[in-house]
């Protein structure tokens, strides 16, 4: 039993799209880890100093609480969590390429939702409310990195599918 499991894992890892999917899941996972030193965006103004993390907004002004409630980030957290789940689950669907492609397509759409929500909803809203300019950190672009790896995985699976179909025609 253990030998067959190791054989399946070895076969799964040999495919480059599994590596791409793992890297996409890893990039999304880093978004949910609350690094104090690595927020997505920093806001500094005359009366405000905030760090925007995926899971929380940290107020740096001593003695003041966050001007936003705890549920403000939940939609983004939920979608990032779904991205992690879909990317990881897609790795294990390697035997059914069509199903794997569907899951990755859904994952790409979710990733686009995170990017659009972050850059076109959250940040402009916070910028307007706080009257402060956003200072983007490198972690703000992790959803784009995840999207890049998902697109690479999708292309690799399509290439494999095309190769298998061409071999079926030869027989």
C-alpha atoms as a PDB file:
ATOM      1  CA  UNK A   1       0.000   0.000   0.000  1.00  0.00           C
ATOM      2  CA  UNK A   2       2.745   2.449   0.965  1.00  0.00           C
ATOM      3  CA  UNK A   3       4.686   1.586  -2.188  1.00  0.00           C
ATOM      4  CA  UNK A   4       1.700   2.278  -4.435  1.00  0.00           C
ATOM      5  CA  UNK A   5       1.053   5.591  -2.671  1.00  0.00           C
ATOM      6  CA  UNK A   6       4.683   6.611  -3.138  1.00  0.00           C
ATOM      7  CA  UNK A   7       4.466   5.601  -6.807  1.00  0.00           C
ATOM      8  CA  UNK A   8       1.344   7.750  -7.287  1.00  0.00           C
ATOM      9  CA  UNK A   9       2.992  10.731  -5.596  1.00  0.00           C
ATOM     10  CA  UNK A  10       6.138  10.290  -7.704  1.00  0.00           C
ATOM     11  CA  UNK A  11       4.042  10.128 -10.891  1.00  0.00           C
ATOM     12  CA  UNK A  12       2.077  13.209  -9.864  1.00  0.00           C
ATOM     13  CA  UNK A  13       5.215  15.243  -9.089  1.00  0.00           C
ATOM     14  CA  UNK A  14       6.836  14.334 -12.410  1.00  0.00           C
ATOM     15  CA  UNK A  15       4.286  16.478 -14.181  1.00  0.00           C
ATOM     16  CA  UNK A  16       5.348  20.132 -14.334  1.00  0.00           C
ATOM     17  CA  UNK A  17       1.771  21.341 -13.922  1.00  0.00           C
ATOM     18  CA  UNK A  18       1.718  19.820 -10.437  1.00  0.00           C
ATOM     19  CA  UNK A  19       4.696  21.998  -9.533  1.00  0.00           C
ATOM     20  CA  UNK A  20       2.951  25.061 -10.992  1.00  0.00           C
ATOM     21  CA  UNK A  21      -0.212  24.296  -9.023  1.00  0.00           C
ATOM     22  CA  UNK A  22       1.783  23.811  -5.819  1.00  0.00           C
ATOM     23  CA  UNK A  23       3.539  27.153  -6.366  1.00  0.00           C
ATOM     24  CA  UNK A  24       0.181  28.855  -7.004  1.00  0.00           C
ATOM     25  CA  UNK A  25      -1.199  27.397  -3.770  1.00  0.00           C
ATOM     26  CA  UNK A  26       1.945  28.440  -1.902  1.00  0.00           C
ATOM     27  CA  UNK A  27       1.718  32.034  -3.163  1.00  0.00           C
ATOM     28  CA  UNK A  28      -1.927  32.205  -2.060  1.00  0.00           C
ATOM     29  CA  UNK A  29      -1.102  30.609   1.307  1.00  0.00           C
ATOM     30  CA  UNK A  30       1.485  33.293   2.053  1.00  0.00           C
ATOM     31  CA  UNK A  31      -1.328  35.844   1.748  1.00  0.00           C
ATOM     32  CA  UNK A  32      -3.111  34.286   4.719  1.00  0.00           C
ATOM     33  CA  UNK A  33      -0.077  34.194   6.997  1.00  0.00           C
ATOM     34  CA  UNK A  34      -0.142  37.326   9.142  1.00  0.00           C
ATOM     35  CA  UNK A  35       3.447  38.529   8.784  1.00  0.00           C
ATOM     36  CA  UNK A  36       3.696  41.745  10.786  1.00  0.00           C
ATOM     37  CA  UNK A  37       6.569  42.958   8.651  1.00  0.00           C
ATOM     38  CA  UNK A  38       4.942  42.161   5.293  1.00  0.00           C
ATOM     39  CA  UNK A  39       1.570  43.837   4.836  1.00  0.00           C
ATOM     40  CA  UNK A  40       0.055  44.101   1.371  1.00  0.00           C
ATOM     41  CA  UNK A  41      -0.296  47.882   1.518  1.00  0.00           C
ATOM     42  CA  UNK A  42       0.760  50.563   3.960  1.00  0.00           C
ATOM     43  CA  UNK A  43      -1.212  53.772   4.444  1.00  0.00           C
ATOM     44  CA  UNK A  44       0.466  56.761   6.057  1.00  0.00           C
ATOM     45  CA  UNK A  45      -1.209  60.136   6.371  1.00  0.00           C
ATOM     46  CA  UNK A  46      -1.426  63.095   8.715  1.00  0.00           C
ATOM     47  CA  UNK A  47      -3.688  61.316  11.209  1.00  0.00           C
ATOM     48  CA  UNK A  48      -3.476  57.699  10.115  1.00  0.00           C
ATOM     49  CA  UNK A  49      -0.961  54.883   9.936  1.00  0.00           C
ATOM     50  CA  UNK A  50      -2.419  51.558   8.826  1.00  0.00           C
ATOM     51  CA  UNK A  51      -1.085  48.306   7.464  1.00  0.00           C
ATOM     52  CA  UNK A  52      -3.480  46.318   5.287  1.00  0.00           C
ATOM     53  CA  UNK A  53      -2.994  42.557   5.565  1.00  0.00           C
ATOM     54  CA  UNK A  54      -5.215  39.996   3.873  1.00  0.00           C
ATOM     55  CA  UNK A  55      -6.690  38.872   7.176  1.00  0.00           C
ATOM     56  CA  UNK A  56      -6.693  42.132   9.133  1.00  0.00           C
ATOM     57  CA  UNK A  57      -6.073  45.857   9.134  1.00  0.00           C
ATOM     58  CA  UNK A  58      -3.467  46.905  11.666  1.00  0.00           C
ATOM     59  CA  UNK A  59      -3.699  50.409  13.137  1.00  0.00           C
ATOM     60  CA  UNK A  60      -0.249  51.691  14.084  1.00  0.00           C
ATOM     61  CA  UNK A  61      -1.496  54.753  15.989  1.00  0.00           C
ATOM     62  CA  UNK A  62      -1.060  53.991  19.713  1.00  0.00           C
ATOM     63  CA  UNK A  63      -4.282  53.747  21.680  1.00  0.00           C
ATOM     64  CA  UNK A  64      -6.588  53.659  18.665  1.00  0.00           C
ATOM     65  CA  UNK A  65      -8.443  50.659  17.315  1.00  0.00           C
ATOM     66  CA  UNK A  66      -8.921  49.877  13.655  1.00  0.00           C
ATOM     67  CA  UNK A  67     -11.485  52.122  11.947  1.00  0.00           C
ATOM     68  CA  UNK A  68     -12.899  49.056  10.161  1.00  0.00           C
ATOM     69  CA  UNK A  69     -14.703  46.137  11.736  1.00  0.00           C
ATOM     70  CA  UNK A  70     -13.314  42.612  11.877  1.00  0.00           C
ATOM     71  CA  UNK A  71     -15.511  41.444   8.990  1.00  0.00           C
ATOM     72  CA  UNK A  72     -14.081  43.933   6.487  1.00  0.00           C
ATOM     73  CA  UNK A  73     -11.487  41.495   5.116  1.00  0.00           C
ATOM     74  CA  UNK A  74     -13.567  38.315   5.264  1.00  0.00           C
ATOM     75  CA  UNK A  75     -14.665  38.264   1.590  1.00  0.00           C
ATOM     76  CA  UNK A  76     -11.047  38.474   0.475  1.00  0.00           C
ATOM     77  CA  UNK A  77      -9.949  35.849   3.002  1.00  0.00           C
ATOM     78  CA  UNK A  78     -12.709  33.484   1.845  1.00  0.00           C
ATOM     79  CA  UNK A  79     -11.773  33.789  -1.830  1.00  0.00           C
ATOM     80  CA  UNK A  80      -8.044  33.361  -1.104  1.00  0.00           C
ATOM     81  CA  UNK A  81      -8.885  30.258   0.938  1.00  0.00           C
ATOM     82  CA  UNK A  82     -10.886  28.889  -2.025  1.00  0.00           C
ATOM     83  CA  UNK A  83      -7.915  29.548  -4.311  1.00  0.00           C
ATOM     84  CA  UNK A  84      -5.710  27.470  -2.020  1.00  0.00           C
ATOM     85  CA  UNK A  85      -8.278  24.658  -1.890  1.00  0.00           C
ATOM     86  CA  UNK A  86      -8.833  24.588  -5.669  1.00  0.00           C
ATOM     87  CA  UNK A  87      -5.104  24.733  -6.462  1.00  0.00           C
ATOM     88  CA  UNK A  88      -4.294  21.943  -4.035  1.00  0.00           C
ATOM     89  CA  UNK A  89      -7.232  19.787  -5.103  1.00  0.00           C
ATOM     90  CA  UNK A  90      -6.305  20.251  -8.764  1.00  0.00           C
ATOM     91  CA  UNK A  91      -2.940  18.634  -8.111  1.00  0.00           C
ATOM     92  CA  UNK A  92      -4.699  15.395  -7.159  1.00  0.00           C
ATOM     93  CA  UNK A  93      -6.953  15.403 -10.233  1.00  0.00           C
ATOM     94  CA  UNK A  94      -4.049  14.519 -12.527  1.00  0.00           C
ATOM     95  CA  UNK A  95      -5.780  11.399 -13.864  1.00  0.00           C
ATOM     96  CA  UNK A  96      -8.704  13.396 -15.269  1.00  0.00           C
ATOM     97  CA  UNK A  97      -7.275  16.258 -17.314  1.00  0.00           C
ATOM     98  CA  UNK A  98     -10.666  17.676 -18.343  1.00  0.00           C
ATOM     99  CA  UNK A  99     -11.804  17.910 -14.739  1.00  0.00           C
ATOM    100  CA  UNK A 100      -8.445  19.353 -13.717  1.00  0.00           C
ATOM    101  CA  UNK A 101      -8.761  22.032 -16.403  1.00  0.00           C
ATOM    102  CA  UNK A 102     -12.225  22.986 -15.105  1.00  0.00           C
ATOM    103  CA  UNK A 103     -10.964  23.345 -11.560  1.00  0.00           C
ATOM    104  CA  UNK A 104      -8.010  25.459 -12.694  1.00  0.00           C
ATOM    105  CA  UNK A 105     -10.311  27.664 -14.788  1.00  0.00           C
ATOM    106  CA  UNK A 106     -12.456  28.279 -11.698  1.00  0.00           C
ATOM    107  CA  UNK A 107      -9.282  28.980  -9.735  1.00  0.00           C
ATOM    108  CA  UNK A 108      -8.160  31.512 -12.349  1.00  0.00           C
ATOM    109  CA  UNK A 109     -11.511  33.299 -12.102  1.00  0.00           C
ATOM    110  CA  UNK A 110     -11.238  33.361  -8.300  1.00  0.00           C
ATOM    111  CA  UNK A 111      -7.731  34.772  -8.587  1.00  0.00           C
ATOM    112  CA  UNK A 112      -8.966  37.479 -10.944  1.00  0.00           C
ATOM    113  CA  UNK A 113     -11.684  38.293  -8.387  1.00  0.00           C
ATOM    114  CA  UNK A 114      -9.061  38.740  -5.686  1.00  0.00           C
ATOM    115  CA  UNK A 115      -6.952  40.971  -7.914  1.00  0.00           C
ATOM    116  CA  UNK A 116      -9.925  43.071  -9.028  1.00  0.00           C
ATOM    117  CA  UNK A 117     -11.346  43.293  -5.513  1.00  0.00           C
ATOM    118  CA  UNK A 118      -8.016  44.256  -4.034  1.00  0.00           C
ATOM    119  CA  UNK A 119      -6.903  46.834  -6.596  1.00  0.00           C
ATOM    120  CA  UNK A 120     -10.302  48.241  -7.613  1.00  0.00           C
ATOM    121  CA  UNK A 121     -12.419  47.957  -4.444  1.00  0.00           C
ATOM    122  CA  UNK A 122     -10.422  47.617  -1.233  1.00  0.00           C
ATOM    123  CA  UNK A 123      -7.506  49.929  -1.943  1.00  0.00           C
ATOM    124  CA  UNK A 124      -9.510  52.801  -3.535  1.00  0.00           C
ATOM    125  CA  UNK A 125     -12.044  52.576  -0.697  1.00  0.00           C
ATOM    126  CA  UNK A 126      -9.327  52.699   1.956  1.00  0.00           C
ATOM    127  CA  UNK A 127      -7.516  55.483   0.129  1.00  0.00           C
ATOM    128  CA  UNK A 128     -10.690  57.583   0.055  1.00  0.00           C
ATOM    129  CA  UNK A 129     -11.694  56.838   3.663  1.00  0.00           C
ATOM    130  CA  UNK A 130      -8.259  57.364   5.161  1.00  0.00           C
ATOM    131  CA  UNK A 131      -7.182  60.291   2.973  1.00  0.00           C
ATOM    132  CA  UNK A 132      -3.797  58.615   2.573  1.00  0.00           C
ATOM    133  CA  UNK A 133      -1.867  57.297  -0.391  1.00  0.00           C
ATOM    134  CA  UNK A 134      -1.266  53.549  -0.573  1.00  0.00           C
ATOM    135  CA  UNK A 135       2.288  52.260  -0.514  1.00  0.00           C
ATOM    136  CA  UNK A 136       2.217  48.840  -2.160  1.00  0.00           C
ATOM    137  CA  UNK A 137       4.475  46.141  -0.806  1.00  0.00           C
ATOM    138  CA  UNK A 138       5.805  43.141  -2.748  1.00  0.00           C
ATOM    139  CA  UNK A 139       3.246  40.889  -1.060  1.00  0.00           C
ATOM    140  CA  UNK A 140       0.465  42.831  -2.810  1.00  0.00           C
ATOM    141  CA  UNK A 141       1.480  41.153  -6.045  1.00  0.00           C
ATOM    142  CA  UNK A 142       1.300  37.557  -4.758  1.00  0.00           C
ATOM    143  CA  UNK A 143      -2.182  37.074  -6.272  1.00  0.00           C
ATOM    144  CA  UNK A 144      -0.646  37.959  -9.646  1.00  0.00           C
ATOM    145  CA  UNK A 145       2.141  35.426  -9.038  1.00  0.00           C
ATOM    146  CA  UNK A 146      -0.457  32.797  -8.165  1.00  0.00           C
ATOM    147  CA  UNK A 147      -2.412  33.669 -11.315  1.00  0.00           C
ATOM    148  CA  UNK A 148       0.763  33.359 -13.407  1.00  0.00           C
ATOM    149  CA  UNK A 149       1.420  29.831 -12.100  1.00  0.00           C
ATOM    150  CA  UNK A 150      -2.214  28.840 -12.658  1.00  0.00           C
ATOM    151  CA  UNK A 151      -2.010  29.968 -16.272  1.00  0.00           C
ATOM    152  CA  UNK A 152       1.248  28.018 -16.725  1.00  0.00           C
ATOM    153  CA  UNK A 153      -0.408  24.908 -15.248  1.00  0.00           C
ATOM    154  CA  UNK A 154      -3.438  25.332 -17.503  1.00  0.00           C
ATOM    155  CA  UNK A 155      -1.204  25.642 -20.576  1.00  0.00           C
ATOM    156  CA  UNK A 156       0.859  22.599 -19.569  1.00  0.00           C
ATOM    157  CA  UNK A 157      -2.255  20.468 -19.097  1.00  0.00           C
ATOM    158  CA  UNK A 158      -3.636  21.599 -22.467  1.00  0.00           C
ATOM    159  CA  UNK A 159      -0.297  20.657 -24.036  1.00  0.00           C
ATOM    160  CA  UNK A 160      -0.412  17.205 -22.398  1.00  0.00           C
ATOM    161  CA  UNK A 161      -3.993  16.739 -23.532  1.00  0.00           C
ATOM    162  CA  UNK A 162      -3.088  17.667 -27.097  1.00  0.00           C
ATOM    163  CA  UNK A 163      -0.146  15.243 -27.020  1.00  0.00           C
ATOM    164  CA  UNK A 164      -2.295  12.368 -25.726  1.00  0.00           C
ATOM    165  CA  UNK A 165      -4.953  13.016 -28.372  1.00  0.00           C
ATOM    166  CA  UNK A 166      -2.314  13.039 -31.111  1.00  0.00           C
ATOM    167  CA  UNK A 167      -1.001   9.686 -29.874  1.00  0.00           C
ATOM    168  CA  UNK A 168      -4.548   8.291 -29.908  1.00  0.00           C
ATOM    169  CA  UNK A 169      -4.874   9.332 -33.573  1.00  0.00           C
ATOM    170  CA  UNK A 170      -1.668   7.529 -34.492  1.00  0.00           C
ATOM    171  CA  UNK A 171      -2.959   4.236 -33.065  1.00  0.00           C
END
